[in-house]
Protein backbone atom coordinates (compact mmCIF):
# COMPACT_ATOMS: atom_id res chain seq x y z
CA MET A 1 -48.66 29.85 -50.63
CA THR A 2 -44.93 31.99 -51.23
CA LEU A 3 -42.87 30.28 -54.05
CA THR A 4 -39.28 31.58 -53.36
CA PRO A 5 -36.18 29.70 -54.66
CA LEU A 6 -34.91 26.33 -53.43
CA ARG A 7 -32.70 23.97 -54.29
CA ILE A 8 -34.40 20.66 -56.25
CA ASN A 9 -33.13 17.42 -54.48
CA ARG A 10 -33.54 14.46 -55.74
CA ARG A 11 -33.76 10.46 -54.61
CA VAL A 12 -32.76 7.93 -56.22
CA PHE A 13 -35.75 6.24 -58.64
CA PHE A 14 -37.49 3.65 -57.20
CA TRP A 15 -37.87 1.63 -59.95
CA GLY A 16 -34.29 1.70 -61.86
CA GLY A 17 -33.28 -1.79 -60.07
CA SER A 18 -36.25 -3.26 -61.43
CA LEU A 19 -34.49 -2.38 -64.93
CA ALA A 20 -32.18 -4.92 -64.78
CA LEU A 21 -34.80 -7.87 -64.25
CA ILE A 22 -35.97 -7.29 -67.66
CA GLY A 23 -33.79 -9.60 -69.74
CA ALA A 24 -35.38 -12.46 -67.92
CA CYS A 25 -37.12 -14.89 -70.62
CA SER A 26 -40.96 -14.13 -71.15
CA PRO A 27 -42.99 -16.76 -73.18
CA THR A 28 -44.09 -15.09 -76.60
CA ALA A 29 -46.98 -12.45 -76.25
CA PRO A 30 -50.37 -13.37 -78.36
CA ASP A 31 -51.60 -11.88 -81.77
CA LEU A 32 -52.52 -8.29 -81.29
CA GLN A 33 -54.38 -6.71 -83.73
CA LEU A 34 -52.89 -3.49 -84.88
CA PRO A 35 -53.27 -0.92 -86.61
CA SER A 36 -50.89 -0.39 -89.49
CA ARG A 37 -48.23 2.64 -90.03
CA GLU A 38 -50.53 3.57 -93.03
CA GLN A 39 -53.98 2.57 -91.38
CA ALA A 40 -55.45 5.69 -89.11
CA ASP A 41 -55.19 5.65 -85.45
CA PRO A 42 -58.65 4.03 -84.08
CA LEU A 43 -57.82 5.07 -80.44
CA ARG A 44 -56.56 8.94 -82.12
CA LYS A 45 -59.63 10.47 -80.53
CA TYR A 46 -58.34 9.63 -76.51
CA ARG A 47 -54.73 9.20 -77.05
CA VAL A 48 -51.40 11.34 -79.37
CA ALA A 49 -48.57 9.50 -79.80
CA GLU A 50 -45.15 11.45 -77.78
CA PHE A 51 -43.81 13.92 -80.31
CA ALA A 52 -46.89 14.43 -81.89
CA PRO A 53 -47.22 17.71 -83.81
CA TYR A 54 -49.50 20.73 -82.59
CA SER A 55 -52.63 19.47 -85.35
CA SER A 56 -52.57 16.19 -83.43
CA TRP A 57 -52.74 18.19 -79.86
CA ALA A 58 -55.39 20.29 -81.16
CA ARG A 59 -58.01 17.74 -80.61
CA HIS A 60 -57.26 17.20 -77.50
CA ILE A 61 -56.21 20.36 -75.50
CA HIS A 62 -57.37 23.51 -77.67
CA GLU A 63 -57.23 27.56 -76.80
CA SER A 64 -60.91 27.90 -76.38
CA THR A 65 -60.35 25.47 -73.24
CA MET A 66 -57.36 26.97 -71.64
CA ARG A 67 -58.12 30.07 -69.07
CA ASP A 68 -55.28 33.08 -68.45
CA ALA A 69 -52.86 31.93 -66.39
CA PRO A 70 -53.65 28.50 -66.63
CA ASP A 71 -51.65 26.12 -63.47
CA ILE A 72 -50.45 23.20 -64.95
CA LEU A 73 -49.24 20.19 -62.76
CA ALA A 74 -46.92 17.66 -63.75
CA ILE A 75 -46.63 14.23 -61.17
CA SER A 76 -43.39 12.01 -61.73
CA GLY A 77 -43.35 8.12 -61.46
CA GLY A 78 -41.51 6.62 -58.17
CA GLY A 79 -43.59 3.73 -57.11
CA GLU A 80 -43.93 3.83 -53.23
CA ASP A 81 -42.56 7.65 -52.75
CA GLY A 82 -45.95 8.43 -54.52
CA ALA A 83 -46.52 8.70 -50.99
CA PHE A 84 -44.27 11.63 -50.93
CA GLY A 85 -46.52 12.86 -53.95
CA ALA A 86 -49.94 12.08 -51.86
CA GLY A 87 -49.17 13.78 -48.94
CA LEU A 88 -47.58 17.32 -50.39
CA LEU A 89 -51.31 17.50 -52.26
CA ASN A 90 -52.96 16.94 -49.07
CA GLY A 91 -50.56 19.40 -47.40
CA TRP A 92 -50.93 22.11 -49.54
CA SER A 93 -54.45 22.09 -49.57
CA ALA A 94 -54.48 22.79 -45.71
CA ARG A 95 -52.26 25.22 -45.88
CA GLY A 96 -55.79 26.32 -48.00
CA ASP A 97 -53.51 27.81 -51.60
CA ARG A 98 -53.30 25.13 -53.62
CA PRO A 99 -54.39 26.10 -57.09
CA ARG A 100 -57.13 24.21 -59.11
CA PHE A 101 -55.27 22.78 -61.55
CA ASP A 102 -56.33 23.09 -65.69
CA VAL A 103 -54.20 20.58 -66.75
CA VAL A 104 -52.36 17.55 -64.50
CA THR A 105 -49.86 14.98 -66.00
CA GLY A 106 -49.23 11.97 -64.52
CA ILE A 107 -46.60 8.66 -65.06
CA SER A 108 -46.44 5.69 -63.18
CA ALA A 109 -46.92 6.49 -59.67
CA GLY A 110 -47.96 9.96 -60.26
CA ALA A 111 -50.89 8.20 -62.83
CA LEU A 112 -52.14 6.90 -59.77
CA ILE A 113 -52.25 10.09 -58.04
CA ALA A 114 -53.26 12.19 -60.95
CA PRO A 115 -57.60 11.64 -61.42
CA PHE A 116 -57.39 12.93 -57.41
CA ALA A 117 -54.86 15.72 -58.20
CA PHE A 118 -57.63 16.34 -61.06
CA LEU A 119 -60.31 16.65 -58.64
CA GLY A 120 -58.80 18.47 -56.39
CA PRO A 121 -59.00 18.91 -52.51
CA ALA A 122 -62.30 17.88 -52.08
CA TYR A 123 -60.35 14.00 -52.52
CA ASP A 124 -57.69 13.96 -51.12
CA ALA A 125 -59.04 11.59 -48.84
CA GLN A 126 -59.33 9.00 -50.83
CA LEU A 127 -55.77 10.01 -52.42
CA LYS A 128 -54.04 9.74 -48.61
CA GLN A 129 -56.02 6.52 -48.13
CA VAL A 130 -54.33 4.40 -51.91
CA PHE A 131 -50.57 5.97 -49.97
CA THR A 132 -51.40 5.11 -46.34
CA GLU A 133 -54.02 2.24 -46.15
CA PHE A 134 -52.57 0.10 -49.05
CA GLY A 135 -49.60 -2.07 -48.39
CA GLY A 136 -47.77 -4.72 -50.23
CA ASP A 137 -49.97 -7.22 -48.71
CA ASP A 138 -52.58 -5.69 -50.42
CA VAL A 139 -51.00 -4.77 -54.19
CA LEU A 140 -48.41 -7.73 -54.85
CA ARG A 141 -48.68 -10.88 -55.11
CA ARG A 142 -45.97 -13.37 -56.13
CA ARG A 143 -45.98 -15.19 -59.11
CA GLY A 144 -43.53 -17.78 -58.06
CA LEU A 145 -41.70 -19.79 -60.44
CA PRO A 146 -43.58 -18.93 -63.66
CA GLY A 147 -43.09 -15.81 -62.23
CA LEU A 148 -39.47 -15.63 -62.48
CA LEU A 149 -39.32 -17.65 -66.16
CA GLY A 150 -41.88 -15.26 -67.35
CA SER A 151 -42.86 -11.29 -67.55
CA SER A 152 -42.31 -10.54 -64.00
CA VAL A 153 -42.59 -11.29 -60.44
CA TYR A 154 -45.79 -10.46 -59.60
CA ASP A 155 -49.40 -9.97 -61.20
CA THR A 156 -51.63 -6.74 -61.49
CA LYS A 157 -54.67 -7.92 -60.01
CA PRO A 158 -54.56 -6.72 -56.46
CA MET A 159 -53.61 -3.27 -58.12
CA ALA A 160 -56.53 -4.09 -60.69
CA ASP A 161 -59.28 -4.72 -57.62
CA LEU A 162 -57.63 -1.69 -55.97
CA LEU A 163 -58.41 0.61 -59.03
CA ARG A 164 -61.50 -0.65 -59.39
CA THR A 165 -62.06 0.57 -55.86
CA PHE A 166 -61.15 3.88 -55.93
CA VAL A 167 -61.29 4.82 -59.40
CA ALA A 168 -64.76 4.22 -59.54
CA ALA A 169 -67.88 4.92 -61.40
CA ASP A 170 -68.62 8.74 -59.45
CA ILE A 171 -64.89 9.13 -59.98
CA ILE A 172 -65.18 8.70 -63.83
CA ASP A 173 -68.32 11.10 -63.58
CA ALA A 174 -66.03 14.18 -61.90
CA ILE A 175 -63.35 13.34 -64.26
CA ALA A 176 -66.04 14.00 -67.42
CA GLU A 177 -67.32 17.10 -65.44
CA ARG A 178 -64.08 18.86 -65.46
CA HIS A 179 -63.35 18.09 -68.85
CA HIS A 180 -66.67 19.19 -69.94
CA ASN A 181 -65.46 22.57 -68.40
CA GLY A 182 -62.40 22.67 -70.39
CA ALA A 183 -59.68 21.02 -67.63
CA ARG A 184 -57.47 18.03 -68.93
CA LEU A 185 -55.75 15.62 -67.35
CA PHE A 186 -53.27 12.95 -69.18
CA VAL A 187 -51.83 10.02 -68.12
CA VAL A 188 -49.31 8.50 -70.24
CA THR A 189 -47.98 4.31 -71.00
CA SER A 190 -45.22 3.00 -73.08
CA ASN A 191 -46.72 1.14 -75.93
CA LEU A 192 -44.65 -2.32 -75.71
CA ASP A 193 -45.55 -2.69 -79.48
CA THR A 194 -44.49 0.27 -80.95
CA ALA A 195 -41.91 1.05 -78.68
CA ARG A 196 -43.16 4.54 -78.02
CA ALA A 197 -45.15 6.75 -75.35
CA ASP A 198 -48.90 6.90 -75.92
CA ILE A 199 -50.50 10.13 -73.95
CA TRP A 200 -53.91 9.89 -72.66
CA ASN A 201 -56.14 12.14 -72.99
CA MET A 202 -58.61 10.59 -69.69
CA GLY A 203 -61.23 13.12 -69.79
CA ALA A 204 -62.15 12.07 -73.02
CA LEU A 205 -62.43 8.82 -71.65
CA ALA A 206 -64.79 9.52 -69.23
CA VAL A 207 -66.91 11.18 -71.51
CA ASP A 208 -67.73 8.79 -73.63
CA GLY A 209 -67.67 6.21 -70.44
CA GLN A 210 -64.98 4.22 -70.99
CA ASP A 211 -64.33 3.22 -67.94
CA ASP A 212 -62.19 -0.39 -68.86
CA LEU A 213 -60.14 1.57 -70.55
CA LEU A 214 -59.52 4.37 -68.74
CA ARG A 215 -58.78 1.84 -65.79
CA SER A 216 -56.83 -0.55 -67.47
CA ILE A 217 -54.18 2.99 -68.53
CA VAL A 218 -53.90 4.08 -64.97
CA LEU A 219 -52.86 0.33 -64.20
CA ALA A 220 -50.72 -0.07 -67.11
CA SER A 221 -48.45 3.65 -66.34
CA SER A 222 -47.91 2.37 -63.05
CA ALA A 223 -46.89 -1.30 -63.90
CA LEU A 224 -43.42 -1.18 -62.68
CA PRO A 225 -41.24 -3.08 -65.34
CA ALA A 226 -40.53 -7.14 -64.51
CA VAL A 227 -42.48 -6.26 -60.47
CA PHE A 228 -45.82 -6.10 -62.67
CA PRO A 229 -46.30 -7.36 -66.24
CA PRO A 230 -47.17 -5.23 -69.34
CA VAL A 231 -51.30 -4.67 -69.17
CA PRO A 232 -53.33 -5.55 -72.19
CA ILE A 233 -55.93 -3.06 -73.43
CA SER A 234 -59.21 -3.75 -76.09
CA TYR A 235 -60.84 -0.76 -77.53
CA ARG A 236 -63.81 -1.99 -80.14
CA ASP A 237 -64.80 0.40 -82.76
CA LYS A 238 -68.21 1.09 -83.93
CA SER A 239 -67.93 -1.52 -86.86
CA GLY A 240 -67.40 -4.19 -84.08
CA GLN A 241 -63.63 -4.56 -84.88
CA ILE A 242 -61.31 -4.91 -81.96
CA TYR A 243 -57.88 -3.98 -81.39
CA ARG A 244 -55.58 -5.03 -78.67
CA GLU A 245 -52.50 -3.72 -77.71
CA THR A 246 -49.53 -4.14 -74.69
CA HIS A 247 -48.78 -0.81 -72.16
CA LEU A 248 -46.45 -0.87 -69.19
CA ASP A 249 -45.06 1.90 -67.45
CA GLY A 250 -44.57 5.64 -68.55
CA GLY A 251 -41.22 5.57 -66.97
CA LEU A 252 -39.38 3.61 -69.59
CA ASN A 253 -39.86 6.72 -72.23
CA MET A 254 -40.04 10.11 -69.51
CA GLN A 255 -40.36 10.78 -65.78
CA PHE A 256 -42.77 13.43 -66.12
CA LEU A 257 -44.80 14.79 -68.74
CA ALA A 258 -43.83 18.71 -67.87
CA ILE A 259 -45.61 20.58 -70.59
CA PRO A 260 -48.06 18.62 -73.82
CA GLU A 261 -46.59 19.17 -76.78
CA ALA A 262 -49.54 21.85 -77.74
CA THR A 263 -49.72 23.83 -74.03
CA PRO A 264 -46.98 26.68 -75.02
CA ALA A 265 -48.70 27.82 -78.01
CA LEU A 266 -51.64 27.32 -75.82
CA ALA A 267 -50.28 29.03 -73.17
CA ARG A 268 -48.30 31.79 -74.45
CA ASN A 269 -48.87 35.55 -73.15
CA ARG A 270 -50.71 34.01 -70.27
CA GLN A 271 -48.61 33.70 -67.46
CA GLY A 272 -49.36 30.53 -65.93
CA ARG A 273 -47.32 28.44 -63.67
CA LEU A 274 -45.99 24.98 -64.26
CA PHE A 275 -45.70 23.25 -61.25
CA ILE A 276 -43.06 19.88 -61.55
CA LEU A 277 -43.80 17.47 -58.26
CA ILE A 278 -41.36 14.51 -58.31
CA ASN A 279 -42.03 11.73 -55.98
CA ASN A 280 -38.12 10.99 -55.32
CA THR A 281 -34.50 12.51 -54.83
CA ILE A 282 -32.36 13.20 -57.72
CA ASP A 283 -29.63 14.72 -56.44
CA PRO A 284 -28.78 12.03 -53.96
CA ALA A 285 -26.34 12.18 -51.33
CA PRO A 286 -23.54 10.37 -51.50
CA GLN A 287 -23.72 6.36 -51.09
CA SER A 288 -21.31 3.77 -50.94
CA VAL A 289 -21.93 1.62 -53.95
CA PRO A 290 -21.53 -2.37 -53.51
CA ARG A 291 -19.05 -3.87 -55.55
CA SER A 292 -21.39 -6.31 -57.32
CA ILE A 293 -22.95 -6.72 -60.91
CA ILE A 294 -26.55 -6.46 -59.00
CA GLY A 295 -25.03 -3.28 -56.81
CA ILE A 296 -23.13 -1.29 -60.02
CA SER A 297 -25.87 -2.45 -62.47
CA THR A 298 -28.66 -1.27 -60.11
CA HIS A 299 -26.51 2.25 -58.84
CA SER A 300 -26.21 2.55 -62.95
CA LEU A 301 -29.71 2.12 -64.27
CA SER A 302 -30.48 4.48 -61.35
CA THR A 303 -28.05 7.12 -62.06
CA LEU A 304 -29.70 7.29 -66.07
CA VAL A 305 -33.13 7.63 -64.61
CA ARG A 306 -32.18 10.63 -62.34
CA SER A 307 -29.78 12.17 -65.52
CA SER A 308 -33.10 11.82 -67.51
CA ALA A 309 -34.96 13.80 -64.76
CA ARG A 310 -32.58 16.87 -64.95
CA SER A 311 -32.83 16.46 -68.56
CA GLY A 312 -36.50 17.20 -68.36
CA LEU A 313 -36.37 19.76 -65.77
CA ARG A 314 -33.97 21.39 -67.84
CA ALA A 315 -36.50 21.00 -71.16
CA ALA A 316 -39.28 21.98 -69.50
CA GLU A 317 -37.30 25.18 -68.49
CA LEU A 318 -36.86 26.21 -71.69
CA ALA A 319 -40.32 25.20 -72.90
CA ALA A 320 -42.33 27.46 -70.25
CA SER A 321 -39.68 30.59 -70.88
CA ASP A 322 -40.62 30.57 -74.49
CA SER A 323 -44.45 30.68 -73.65
CA GLN A 324 -43.66 32.87 -70.25
CA LEU A 325 -44.78 29.77 -67.78
CA GLN A 326 -43.49 30.27 -64.41
CA VAL A 327 -41.64 26.86 -63.68
CA PHE A 328 -41.43 25.73 -59.97
CA ALA A 329 -40.58 21.84 -58.98
CA VAL A 330 -40.21 20.20 -55.66
CA SER A 331 -38.92 16.36 -54.48
CA VAL A 332 -37.60 14.39 -51.89
CA GLU A 333 -34.44 16.07 -50.09
CA PRO A 334 -31.53 13.65 -49.64
CA ASP A 335 -31.80 14.24 -45.87
CA SER A 336 -35.27 13.30 -45.66
CA PRO A 337 -35.87 11.12 -42.80
CA VAL A 338 -37.23 8.55 -44.00
CA VAL A 339 -35.57 5.38 -44.62
CA TYR A 340 -36.37 3.12 -47.17
CA ASP A 341 -35.71 -0.56 -47.61
CA PRO A 342 -35.45 -2.27 -50.71
CA SER A 343 -36.57 -5.77 -49.39
CA GLU A 344 -40.35 -4.48 -48.51
CA ARG A 345 -42.22 -3.19 -51.72
CA PHE A 346 -45.01 -0.84 -50.76
CA SER A 347 -44.59 -1.35 -46.75
CA LEU A 348 -46.96 1.27 -45.26
CA ASP A 349 -43.44 1.45 -42.56
CA TYR A 350 -42.13 3.32 -45.30
CA MET A 351 -44.95 4.60 -47.15
CA ILE A 352 -46.83 6.33 -44.37
CA PRO A 353 -44.02 8.25 -42.55
CA LEU A 354 -42.92 9.51 -46.24
CA PHE A 355 -46.49 10.59 -46.43
CA ASP A 356 -46.73 12.48 -43.56
CA TYR A 357 -43.21 14.00 -44.26
CA GLY A 358 -44.69 14.95 -47.47
CA TYR A 359 -47.74 16.64 -45.87
CA GLN A 360 -45.78 18.69 -43.48
CA ARG A 361 -43.36 19.77 -46.44
CA GLY A 362 -47.11 20.96 -48.31
CA LEU A 363 -48.12 22.61 -45.08
CA ALA A 364 -44.86 24.92 -44.91
CA GLY A 365 -45.54 26.40 -48.06
CA ASP A 366 -42.18 27.54 -48.87
CA ILE A 367 -41.13 24.15 -51.17
CA TRP A 368 -41.56 25.04 -54.53
CA SER A 369 -38.49 26.25 -56.02
CA ASP A 370 -37.90 28.34 -59.57
């Protein structure tokens, strides 16, 4: 693929409007067994906190596992706009010059894409299925009045069922095999109890047979605030002690995980490449904003999220320049022919054309801006 300069364009981030619902009343959370600040994290084998020092990252990614000129893929969230990224990866595979990524990171919708992107083009068909054959009726189930008065409008059971189908044992075994060979897959969640981002080493989970925990993390990362409820996760240590936490959309803390904290040092002088796939447009075309509480608050939150994404891109460029990584980014063009109807959540009438749009852009081969 020829990598030529192209202006990075952006679209309004899907979940920004849903944040306006977070203030809704919710029932008291159940008692949780959490590690204290003084207590070592029982899950440190599988995760690292955002902004953790290099010493913490060394357990998860090490110089000996990084090949020369590593290729890194960071995938953003975006709800149903993940169909764009799924299509782009399929089109890039069809073009024939898609790299085999050494590190893949995913947040929210990107967490659904990341396992398939990590495993390579052989899994493109499954990735396409997720975003073109399962719509709102398959992943959304209204909770009725309890939902309006509780923690979310919809429940996560349909999505959990979908994950059991598509992130099955064979997929997890394949993730474990790539992990053994040195590649790394990371998914980000927001820890509701500690108010921080947790970055999960999915390959380590796969190697240890933590299938249910792995799926719970993907589910939690894609649990849009107020749309889906936070996801409880549990872990039993060797002594039998059970730890329970509550996690939700990783996009609350960052739009994408461009460079794991340890990567710049490991990639220095190796001249690798960092690809940032943004499942949205963050430079949208001018639009008329309804002069209403909902209209103004939704637009304001979307603006905040876009600003966060732009800041993330700048930070990634600065960090990558220090390690001699080339940075390339792509997003949905503001003049995309695919029109979004916010009244229809996860509509296949929207997702299939968006997948096709992404596919054609991936096939064209001139989409990545540097």
